[in-house]
Amino acid sequence: MSEAAPASVTTVVGPAGPIEVREQGSGRPVVMLPSLGRGGADFDDLAGRLAAAGYRALCPEPRGIGGSTGELGDLTMADLADDVAAVIRERTEGTATLVGHAFGNRVARMTATEYPELVKRVALLCCGGMVPPAPEVHQALVAVFDPDRSDAEHLEAVRKAFFAPGNDPVVWVEGWHGTVAAAQGLANAGTPSDHWWAAGGRDILVVQPVDDLVAVAENARRIVEDFDERTTLVLVPEAGHALLPEQPHAVADALLVWPGAWN
């Protein structure tokens, strides 16, 4: 595997304003969508690995982060899908594989539902949507975005909600965007999950952390049961809801060996 060329930043004209896109590599396009209230930088490591393997990684910033300045008021899941569709149309030759992490996998499935002609396949990192987390885990997730928490309280909330036992949450002490998370949360609440659950009939890869307390494993089990003929499941031990900084090799390996994914 060769070393990838450095990433570049471009701007796409989105339906509600500019969309900043970080791009790396060349070849078949992979569009990566980050977790709730987080930015495209979460995919820097994975983007480099995919680019080095001969693929083109595109990481659009969600509205409200970096150079993506679209309106957050009254945001809907359809709006977020429109943004992804704009990136695919402008920065690819017509279709892309989508990789969504946590909340991003909901956006990926919404995009595949609304724009199936633009989406080849969908990879879900930390598959949620049907079965909620335990109340205390949800409280920790909310606390992550609470600006009134002390540094120690914030770090403990990150650890509890996102990281498997023994993994260091310090790598994610930064990068949280509370205003964006609030808008995304309202968008998610406004669209029933059964609208986008099936990912537009596209093939699905589920990369499920064994220790994920937010997107609990029952969600992964259900999606495999619902769409067995087009779903591949990979379980990743020693990883929680953060996944990307916890087990970067495992995520890249799962994507690169996904049967038929890159035809």
C-alpha atoms as a PDB file:
ATOM      1  CA  MET A   1       0.000   0.000   0.000  1.00  0.00           C
ATOM      2  CA  SER A   2       1.545   3.309  -1.092  1.00  0.00           C
ATOM      3  CA  GLU A   3       1.535   6.525   0.901  1.00  0.00           C
ATOM      4  CA  ALA A   4      -1.360   8.802  -0.006  1.00  0.00           C
ATOM      5  CA  ALA A   5      -0.924  12.309  -1.357  1.00  0.00           C
ATOM      6  CA  PRO A   6      -1.786  15.147   1.035  1.00  0.00           C
ATOM      7  CA  ALA A   7      -5.404  16.194   1.380  1.00  0.00           C
ATOM      8  CA  SER A   8      -6.785  19.289  -0.316  1.00  0.00           C
ATOM      9  CA  VAL A   9      -9.786  21.433   0.573  1.00  0.00           C
ATOM     10  CA  THR A  10     -12.437  22.447  -1.922  1.00  0.00           C
ATOM     11  CA  THR A  11     -15.793  24.191  -1.637  1.00  0.00           C
ATOM     12  CA  VAL A  12     -19.036  22.873  -3.077  1.00  0.00           C
ATOM     13  CA  VAL A  13     -22.039  25.088  -3.713  1.00  0.00           C
ATOM     14  CA  GLY A  14     -24.676  23.509  -1.496  1.00  0.00           C
ATOM     15  CA  PRO A  15     -28.435  24.065  -1.473  1.00  0.00           C
ATOM     16  CA  ALA A  16     -28.173  26.344   1.575  1.00  0.00           C
ATOM     17  CA  GLY A  17     -24.630  27.681   1.306  1.00  0.00           C
ATOM     18  CA  PRO A  18     -21.032  26.562   0.807  1.00  0.00           C
ATOM     19  CA  ILE A  19     -19.917  23.086   1.849  1.00  0.00           C
ATOM     20  CA  GLU A  20     -16.265  22.586   2.745  1.00  0.00           C
ATOM     21  CA  VAL A  21     -14.906  19.264   1.502  1.00  0.00           C
ATOM     22  CA  ARG A  22     -11.559  17.746   2.400  1.00  0.00           C
ATOM     23  CA  GLU A  23     -10.356  15.404  -0.357  1.00  0.00           C
ATOM     24  CA  GLN A  24      -7.536  12.889  -0.508  1.00  0.00           C
ATOM     25  CA  GLY A  25      -6.454  10.330  -3.081  1.00  0.00           C
ATOM     26  CA  SER A  26      -7.850   9.330  -6.453  1.00  0.00           C
ATOM     27  CA  GLY A  27      -9.993   6.483  -7.687  1.00  0.00           C
ATOM     28  CA  ARG A  28     -13.485   5.379  -6.769  1.00  0.00           C
ATOM     29  CA  PRO A  29     -15.088   7.946  -4.425  1.00  0.00           C
ATOM     30  CA  VAL A  30     -15.961   7.364  -0.778  1.00  0.00           C
ATOM     31  CA  VAL A  31     -17.919  10.116   1.000  1.00  0.00           C
ATOM     32  CA  MET A  32     -17.559  10.044   4.801  1.00  0.00           C
ATOM     33  CA  LEU A  33     -20.058  11.595   7.211  1.00  0.00           C
ATOM     34  CA  PRO A  34     -19.155  12.239  10.871  1.00  0.00           C
ATOM     35  CA  SER A  35     -20.809  11.677  14.213  1.00  0.00           C
ATOM     36  CA  LEU A  36     -23.224  13.998  16.037  1.00  0.00           C
ATOM     37  CA  GLY A  37     -21.764  17.474  16.440  1.00  0.00           C
ATOM     38  CA  ARG A  38     -18.373  16.472  15.098  1.00  0.00           C
ATOM     39  CA  GLY A  39     -16.436  17.384  11.967  1.00  0.00           C
ATOM     40  CA  GLY A  40     -14.789  15.705   9.042  1.00  0.00           C
ATOM     41  CA  ALA A  41     -11.388  15.662  10.753  1.00  0.00           C
ATOM     42  CA  ASP A  42     -12.519  12.516  12.570  1.00  0.00           C
ATOM     43  CA  PHE A  43     -11.946  10.714   9.275  1.00  0.00           C
ATOM     44  CA  ASP A  44      -8.416  12.003   8.639  1.00  0.00           C
ATOM     45  CA  ASP A  45      -6.776   8.692   9.534  1.00  0.00           C
ATOM     46  CA  LEU A  46      -9.293   6.569   7.625  1.00  0.00           C
ATOM     47  CA  ALA A  47      -9.184   8.913   4.638  1.00  0.00           C
ATOM     48  CA  GLY A  48      -5.418   8.507   4.465  1.00  0.00           C
ATOM     49  CA  ARG A  49      -5.683   4.731   4.610  1.00  0.00           C
ATOM     50  CA  LEU A  50      -8.323   4.599   1.875  1.00  0.00           C
ATOM     51  CA  ALA A  51      -6.414   7.054  -0.303  1.00  0.00           C
ATOM     52  CA  ALA A  52      -3.245   4.987   0.081  1.00  0.00           C
ATOM     53  CA  ALA A  53      -5.230   1.935  -1.025  1.00  0.00           C
ATOM     54  CA  GLY A  54      -6.294   3.657  -4.240  1.00  0.00           C
ATOM     55  CA  TYR A  55      -9.581   5.329  -3.378  1.00  0.00           C
ATOM     56  CA  ARG A  56     -10.723   8.914  -3.285  1.00  0.00           C
ATOM     57  CA  ALA A  57     -11.839  10.015   0.173  1.00  0.00           C
ATOM     58  CA  LEU A  58     -14.167  13.001   0.459  1.00  0.00           C
ATOM     59  CA  CYS A  59     -14.987  14.389   3.902  1.00  0.00           C
ATOM     60  CA  PRO A  60     -17.596  17.165   3.798  1.00  0.00           C
ATOM     61  CA  GLU A  61     -17.974  19.310   6.878  1.00  0.00           C
ATOM     62  CA  PRO A  62     -21.518  19.359   8.251  1.00  0.00           C
ATOM     63  CA  ARG A  63     -23.378  22.648   8.285  1.00  0.00           C
ATOM     64  CA  GLY A  64     -22.033  24.918  10.997  1.00  0.00           C
ATOM     65  CA  ILE A  65     -18.498  23.481  11.018  1.00  0.00           C
ATOM     66  CA  GLY A  66     -15.516  24.965   9.197  1.00  0.00           C
ATOM     67  CA  GLY A  67     -16.417  26.472   5.851  1.00  0.00           C
ATOM     68  CA  SER A  68     -19.847  24.830   5.723  1.00  0.00           C
ATOM     69  CA  THR A  69     -22.145  27.682   6.678  1.00  0.00           C
ATOM     70  CA  GLY A  70     -25.623  26.539   5.691  1.00  0.00           C
ATOM     71  CA  GLU A  71     -28.609  27.465   7.846  1.00  0.00           C
ATOM     72  CA  LEU A  72     -29.089  25.368  10.999  1.00  0.00           C
ATOM     73  CA  GLY A  73     -32.538  26.665  11.940  1.00  0.00           C
ATOM     74  CA  ASP A  74     -35.357  24.186  11.269  1.00  0.00           C
ATOM     75  CA  LEU A  75     -32.816  21.715   9.932  1.00  0.00           C
ATOM     76  CA  THR A  76     -34.201  18.426   8.592  1.00  0.00           C
ATOM     77  CA  MET A  77     -32.674  15.092   7.653  1.00  0.00           C
ATOM     78  CA  ALA A  78     -33.712  15.846   4.088  1.00  0.00           C
ATOM     79  CA  ASP A  79     -31.613  19.024   4.225  1.00  0.00           C
ATOM     80  CA  LEU A  80     -28.590  17.023   5.318  1.00  0.00           C
ATOM     81  CA  ALA A  81     -29.168  14.512   2.532  1.00  0.00           C
ATOM     82  CA  ASP A  82     -29.419  17.392   0.055  1.00  0.00           C
ATOM     83  CA  ASP A  83     -25.983  18.586   1.178  1.00  0.00           C
ATOM     84  CA  VAL A  84     -24.435  15.160   0.638  1.00  0.00           C
ATOM     85  CA  ALA A  85     -26.099  14.860  -2.746  1.00  0.00           C
ATOM     86  CA  ALA A  86     -24.610  18.204  -3.777  1.00  0.00           C
ATOM     87  CA  VAL A  87     -21.130  16.957  -2.875  1.00  0.00           C
ATOM     88  CA  ILE A  88     -21.586  13.732  -4.837  1.00  0.00           C
ATOM     89  CA  ARG A  89     -22.884  15.570  -7.892  1.00  0.00           C
ATOM     90  CA  GLU A  90     -20.108  18.160  -7.959  1.00  0.00           C
ATOM     91  CA  ARG A  91     -17.104  16.146  -6.796  1.00  0.00           C
ATOM     92  CA  THR A  92     -17.676  12.696  -8.337  1.00  0.00           C
ATOM     93  CA  GLU A  93     -18.631  11.274 -11.705  1.00  0.00           C
ATOM     94  CA  GLY A  94     -22.087  10.421 -10.472  1.00  0.00           C
ATOM     95  CA  THR A  95     -22.102   7.891  -7.633  1.00  0.00           C
ATOM     96  CA  ALA A  96     -20.232   7.245  -4.380  1.00  0.00           C
ATOM     97  CA  THR A  97     -19.968   4.805  -1.527  1.00  0.00           C
ATOM     98  CA  LEU A  98     -21.100   6.451   1.716  1.00  0.00           C
ATOM     99  CA  VAL A  99     -19.462   5.826   5.090  1.00  0.00           C
ATOM    100  CA  GLY A 100     -21.384   7.221   8.048  1.00  0.00           C
ATOM    101  CA  HIS A 101     -20.160   7.191  11.624  1.00  0.00           C
ATOM    102  CA  ALA A 102     -22.856   7.164  14.350  1.00  0.00           C
ATOM    103  CA  PHE A 103     -25.227  10.053  13.497  1.00  0.00           C
ATOM    104  CA  GLY A 104     -23.494  10.140  10.130  1.00  0.00           C
ATOM    105  CA  ASN A 105     -24.824   6.695   9.302  1.00  0.00           C
ATOM    106  CA  ARG A 106     -28.342   8.071   9.661  1.00  0.00           C
ATOM    107  CA  VAL A 107     -27.449  10.831   7.214  1.00  0.00           C
ATOM    108  CA  ALA A 108     -25.907   8.245   4.890  1.00  0.00           C
ATOM    109  CA  ARG A 109     -29.049   6.130   4.916  1.00  0.00           C
ATOM    110  CA  MET A 110     -31.227   9.202   4.448  1.00  0.00           C
ATOM    111  CA  THR A 111     -29.144  10.183   1.427  1.00  0.00           C
ATOM    112  CA  ALA A 112     -29.423   6.691  -0.037  1.00  0.00           C
ATOM    113  CA  THR A 113     -33.182   6.806   0.530  1.00  0.00           C
ATOM    114  CA  GLU A 114     -33.682  10.212  -1.078  1.00  0.00           C
ATOM    115  CA  TYR A 115     -31.023   9.869  -3.790  1.00  0.00           C
ATOM    116  CA  PRO A 116     -30.551   6.162  -4.573  1.00  0.00           C
ATOM    117  CA  GLU A 117     -29.211   7.032  -8.015  1.00  0.00           C
ATOM    118  CA  LEU A 118     -26.197   8.725  -6.391  1.00  0.00           C
ATOM    119  CA  VAL A 119     -25.289   6.046  -3.850  1.00  0.00           C
ATOM    120  CA  LYS A 120     -23.547   2.761  -4.655  1.00  0.00           C
ATOM    121  CA  ARG A 121     -23.303   1.290  -1.139  1.00  0.00           C
ATOM    122  CA  VAL A 122     -23.556   2.382   2.473  1.00  0.00           C
ATOM    123  CA  ALA A 123     -21.173   1.549   5.322  1.00  0.00           C
ATOM    124  CA  LEU A 124     -22.503   2.116   8.833  1.00  0.00           C
ATOM    125  CA  LEU A 125     -19.957   2.619  11.602  1.00  0.00           C
ATOM    126  CA  CYS A 126     -21.819   2.225  14.929  1.00  0.00           C
ATOM    127  CA  CYS A 127     -25.276   1.383  13.604  1.00  0.00           C
ATOM    128  CA  GLY A 128     -28.106   3.010  15.536  1.00  0.00           C
ATOM    129  CA  GLY A 129     -31.628   4.107  14.830  1.00  0.00           C
ATOM    130  CA  MET A 130     -34.117   1.734  16.394  1.00  0.00           C
ATOM    131  CA  VAL A 131     -32.993   0.630  19.863  1.00  0.00           C
ATOM    132  CA  PRO A 132     -32.021   3.534  22.167  1.00  0.00           C
ATOM    133  CA  PRO A 133     -29.184   3.501  24.698  1.00  0.00           C
ATOM    134  CA  ALA A 134     -29.711   3.122  28.433  1.00  0.00           C
ATOM    135  CA  PRO A 135     -30.850   6.352  30.149  1.00  0.00           C
ATOM    136  CA  GLU A 136     -27.532   6.886  31.927  1.00  0.00           C
ATOM    137  CA  VAL A 137     -25.638   6.555  28.655  1.00  0.00           C
ATOM    138  CA  HIS A 138     -27.964   9.048  26.965  1.00  0.00           C
ATOM    139  CA  GLN A 139     -27.329  11.437  29.856  1.00  0.00           C
ATOM    140  CA  ALA A 140     -23.575  11.104  29.325  1.00  0.00           C
ATOM    141  CA  LEU A 141     -24.028  11.810  25.612  1.00  0.00           C
ATOM    142  CA  VAL A 142     -25.972  14.985  26.414  1.00  0.00           C
ATOM    143  CA  ALA A 143     -23.350  15.998  28.983  1.00  0.00           C
ATOM    144  CA  VAL A 144     -20.616  15.865  26.343  1.00  0.00           C
ATOM    145  CA  PHE A 145     -22.139  18.990  24.763  1.00  0.00           C
ATOM    146  CA  ASP A 146     -22.854  20.836  28.031  1.00  0.00           C
ATOM    147  CA  PRO A 147     -20.602  23.939  28.144  1.00  0.00           C
ATOM    148  CA  ASP A 148     -21.135  24.280  31.895  1.00  0.00           C
ATOM    149  CA  ARG A 149     -19.368  21.002  32.688  1.00  0.00           C
ATOM    150  CA  SER A 150     -15.869  21.173  34.123  1.00  0.00           C
ATOM    151  CA  ASP A 151     -13.029  19.772  32.037  1.00  0.00           C
ATOM    152  CA  ALA A 152     -12.964  16.672  34.220  1.00  0.00           C
ATOM    153  CA  GLU A 153     -16.727  16.182  33.965  1.00  0.00           C
ATOM    154  CA  HIS A 154     -16.620  16.638  30.214  1.00  0.00           C
ATOM    155  CA  LEU A 155     -13.856  14.091  29.790  1.00  0.00           C
ATOM    156  CA  GLU A 156     -15.716  11.595  31.982  1.00  0.00           C
ATOM    157  CA  ALA A 157     -18.845  12.049  29.870  1.00  0.00           C
ATOM    158  CA  VAL A 158     -16.839  11.445  26.697  1.00  0.00           C
ATOM    159  CA  ARG A 159     -15.327   8.315  28.232  1.00  0.00           C
ATOM    160  CA  LYS A 160     -18.660   6.924  29.377  1.00  0.00           C
ATOM    161  CA  ALA A 161     -20.595   7.576  26.178  1.00  0.00           C
ATOM    162  CA  PHE A 162     -17.939   6.959  23.546  1.00  0.00           C
ATOM    163  CA  PHE A 163     -15.010   4.811  24.655  1.00  0.00           C
ATOM    164  CA  ALA A 164     -14.584   1.158  25.504  1.00  0.00           C
ATOM    165  CA  PRO A 165     -13.017   0.220  28.865  1.00  0.00           C
ATOM    166  CA  GLY A 166      -9.289   0.876  28.847  1.00  0.00           C
ATOM    167  CA  ASN A 167      -9.322   3.219  25.836  1.00  0.00           C
ATOM    168  CA  ASP A 168      -8.136   6.796  26.378  1.00  0.00           C
ATOM    169  CA  PRO A 169     -10.837   9.435  25.729  1.00  0.00           C
ATOM    170  CA  VAL A 170      -8.307  12.284  25.724  1.00  0.00           C
ATOM    171  CA  VAL A 171      -7.982  11.951  21.935  1.00  0.00           C
ATOM    172  CA  TRP A 172     -11.561  13.255  21.677  1.00  0.00           C
ATOM    173  CA  VAL A 173     -11.460  15.964  24.312  1.00  0.00           C
ATOM    174  CA  GLU A 174     -11.762  18.528  21.508  1.00  0.00           C
ATOM    175  CA  GLY A 175     -13.908  18.715  18.382  1.00  0.00           C
ATOM    176  CA  TRP A 176     -17.395  19.014  19.865  1.00  0.00           C
ATOM    177  CA  HIS A 177     -19.884  21.468  18.316  1.00  0.00           C
ATOM    178  CA  GLY A 178     -22.871  21.854  20.582  1.00  0.00           C
ATOM    179  CA  THR A 179     -24.950  24.133  18.370  1.00  0.00           C
ATOM    180  CA  VAL A 180     -24.514  21.781  15.429  1.00  0.00           C
ATOM    181  CA  ALA A 181     -25.374  18.766  17.590  1.00  0.00           C
ATOM    182  CA  ALA A 182     -28.579  20.427  18.783  1.00  0.00           C
ATOM    183  CA  ALA A 183     -29.697  21.187  15.227  1.00  0.00           C
ATOM    184  CA  GLN A 184     -28.842  17.689  14.060  1.00  0.00           C
ATOM    185  CA  GLY A 185     -30.708  16.186  17.007  1.00  0.00           C
ATOM    186  CA  LEU A 186     -33.851  18.086  16.104  1.00  0.00           C
ATOM    187  CA  ALA A 187     -33.497  17.047  12.461  1.00  0.00           C
ATOM    188  CA  ASN A 188     -33.207  13.425  13.512  1.00  0.00           C
ATOM    189  CA  ALA A 189     -36.229  13.673  15.805  1.00  0.00           C
ATOM    190  CA  GLY A 190     -38.300  15.121  12.966  1.00  0.00           C
ATOM    191  CA  THR A 191     -37.899  12.119  10.665  1.00  0.00           C
ATOM    192  CA  PRO A 192     -39.059   8.628  11.679  1.00  0.00           C
ATOM    193  CA  SER A 193     -36.175   6.182  11.553  1.00  0.00           C
ATOM    194  CA  ASP A 194     -38.173   3.734   9.468  1.00  0.00           C
ATOM    195  CA  HIS A 195     -38.057   6.288   6.636  1.00  0.00           C
ATOM    196  CA  TRP A 196     -34.295   5.841   6.159  1.00  0.00           C
ATOM    197  CA  TRP A 197     -33.653   2.520   7.950  1.00  0.00           C
ATOM    198  CA  ALA A 198     -33.432   0.488   4.712  1.00  0.00           C
ATOM    199  CA  ALA A 199     -30.740   2.714   3.115  1.00  0.00           C
ATOM    200  CA  GLY A 200     -32.595   2.994  -0.164  1.00  0.00           C
ATOM    201  CA  GLY A 201     -32.174  -0.696  -0.937  1.00  0.00           C
ATOM    202  CA  ARG A 202     -28.401  -0.382  -1.241  1.00  0.00           C
ATOM    203  CA  ASP A 203     -25.908  -2.959   0.035  1.00  0.00           C
ATOM    204  CA  ILE A 204     -24.936  -2.319   3.639  1.00  0.00           C
ATOM    205  CA  LEU A 205     -21.767  -2.887   5.645  1.00  0.00           C
ATOM    206  CA  VAL A 206     -22.226  -2.653   9.420  1.00  0.00           C
ATOM    207  CA  VAL A 207     -19.028  -2.144  11.401  1.00  0.00           C
ATOM    208  CA  GLN A 208     -20.240  -2.589  14.968  1.00  0.00           C
ATOM    209  CA  PRO A 209     -18.090  -1.984  18.051  1.00  0.00           C
ATOM    210  CA  VAL A 210     -18.610  -4.707  20.643  1.00  0.00           C
ATOM    211  CA  ASP A 211     -18.568  -2.177  23.500  1.00  0.00           C
ATOM    212  CA  ASP A 212     -20.804   0.478  21.919  1.00  0.00           C
ATOM    213  CA  LEU A 213     -23.243   1.742  24.546  1.00  0.00           C
ATOM    214  CA  VAL A 214     -24.877   4.444  22.411  1.00  0.00           C
ATOM    215  CA  ALA A 215     -25.602   2.570  19.176  1.00  0.00           C
ATOM    216  CA  VAL A 216     -26.266  -0.667  21.017  1.00  0.00           C
ATOM    217  CA  ALA A 217     -25.570  -3.915  19.178  1.00  0.00           C
ATOM    218  CA  GLU A 218     -29.268  -4.804  18.978  1.00  0.00           C
ATOM    219  CA  ASN A 219     -29.534  -2.235  16.165  1.00  0.00           C
ATOM    220  CA  ALA A 220     -26.899  -4.085  14.148  1.00  0.00           C
ATOM    221  CA  ARG A 221     -28.642  -7.395  14.790  1.00  0.00           C
ATOM    222  CA  ARG A 222     -31.953  -5.982  13.571  1.00  0.00           C
ATOM    223  CA  ILE A 223     -30.579  -4.518  10.373  1.00  0.00           C
ATOM    224  CA  VAL A 224     -28.887  -7.823   9.549  1.00  0.00           C
ATOM    225  CA  GLU A 225     -32.182  -9.647  10.174  1.00  0.00           C
ATOM    226  CA  ASP A 226     -34.142  -7.154   8.089  1.00  0.00           C
ATOM    227  CA  PHE A 227     -31.784  -7.120   5.098  1.00  0.00           C
ATOM    228  CA  ASP A 228     -29.739 -10.294   5.402  1.00  0.00           C
ATOM    229  CA  GLU A 229     -29.282 -10.710   1.662  1.00  0.00           C
ATOM    230  CA  ARG A 230     -27.541  -7.342   1.272  1.00  0.00           C
ATOM    231  CA  THR A 231     -25.897  -6.755   4.644  1.00  0.00           C
ATOM    232  CA  THR A 232     -22.406  -7.647   5.862  1.00  0.00           C
ATOM    233  CA  LEU A 233     -21.656  -7.436   9.600  1.00  0.00           C
ATOM    234  CA  VAL A 234     -18.202  -6.937  11.108  1.00  0.00           C
ATOM    235  CA  LEU A 235     -17.822  -6.871  14.904  1.00  0.00           C
ATOM    236  CA  VAL A 236     -14.904  -4.872  16.306  1.00  0.00           C
ATOM    237  CA  PRO A 237     -13.728  -5.751  19.835  1.00  0.00           C
ATOM    238  CA  GLU A 238     -12.173  -3.242  22.251  1.00  0.00           C
ATOM    239  CA  ALA A 239     -14.078  -0.345  20.736  1.00  0.00           C
ATOM    240  CA  GLY A 240     -17.018   1.815  21.763  1.00  0.00           C
ATOM    241  CA  HIS A 241     -19.057   4.497  20.043  1.00  0.00           C
ATOM    242  CA  ALA A 242     -15.934   6.507  19.166  1.00  0.00           C
ATOM    243  CA  LEU A 243     -14.583   3.569  17.085  1.00  0.00           C
ATOM    244  CA  LEU A 244     -12.527   5.633  14.630  1.00  0.00           C
ATOM    245  CA  PRO A 245      -9.774   6.667  17.072  1.00  0.00           C
ATOM    246  CA  GLU A 246     -10.086   3.408  19.003  1.00  0.00           C
ATOM    247  CA  GLN A 247      -9.620   0.851  16.207  1.00  0.00           C
ATOM    248  CA  PRO A 248      -8.583   2.637  13.002  1.00  0.00           C
ATOM    249  CA  HIS A 249      -6.914  -0.435  11.474  1.00  0.00           C
ATOM    250  CA  ALA A 250     -10.017  -2.563  11.993  1.00  0.00           C
ATOM    251  CA  VAL A 251     -12.315   0.005  10.370  1.00  0.00           C
ATOM    252  CA  ALA A 252     -10.086   0.366   7.309  1.00  0.00           C
ATOM    253  CA  ASP A 253      -9.681  -3.395   6.982  1.00  0.00           C
ATOM    254  CA  ALA A 254     -13.458  -3.937   7.171  1.00  0.00           C
ATOM    255  CA  LEU A 255     -14.054  -1.427   4.391  1.00  0.00           C
ATOM    256  CA  LEU A 256     -11.299  -2.681   2.141  1.00  0.00           C
ATOM    257  CA  VAL A 257     -12.364  -6.327   2.280  1.00  0.00           C
ATOM    258  CA  TRP A 258     -16.098  -5.624   2.033  1.00  0.00           C
ATOM    259  CA  PRO A 259     -17.257  -8.233  -0.511  1.00  0.00           C
ATOM    260  CA  GLY A 260     -18.013  -6.625  -3.826  1.00  0.00           C
ATOM    261  CA  ALA A 261     -17.913  -3.136  -2.347  1.00  0.00           C
ATOM    262  CA  TRP A 262     -15.565  -1.608  -4.876  1.00  0.00           C
ATOM    263  CA  ASN A 263     -16.769  -3.117  -8.136  1.00  0.00           C
END
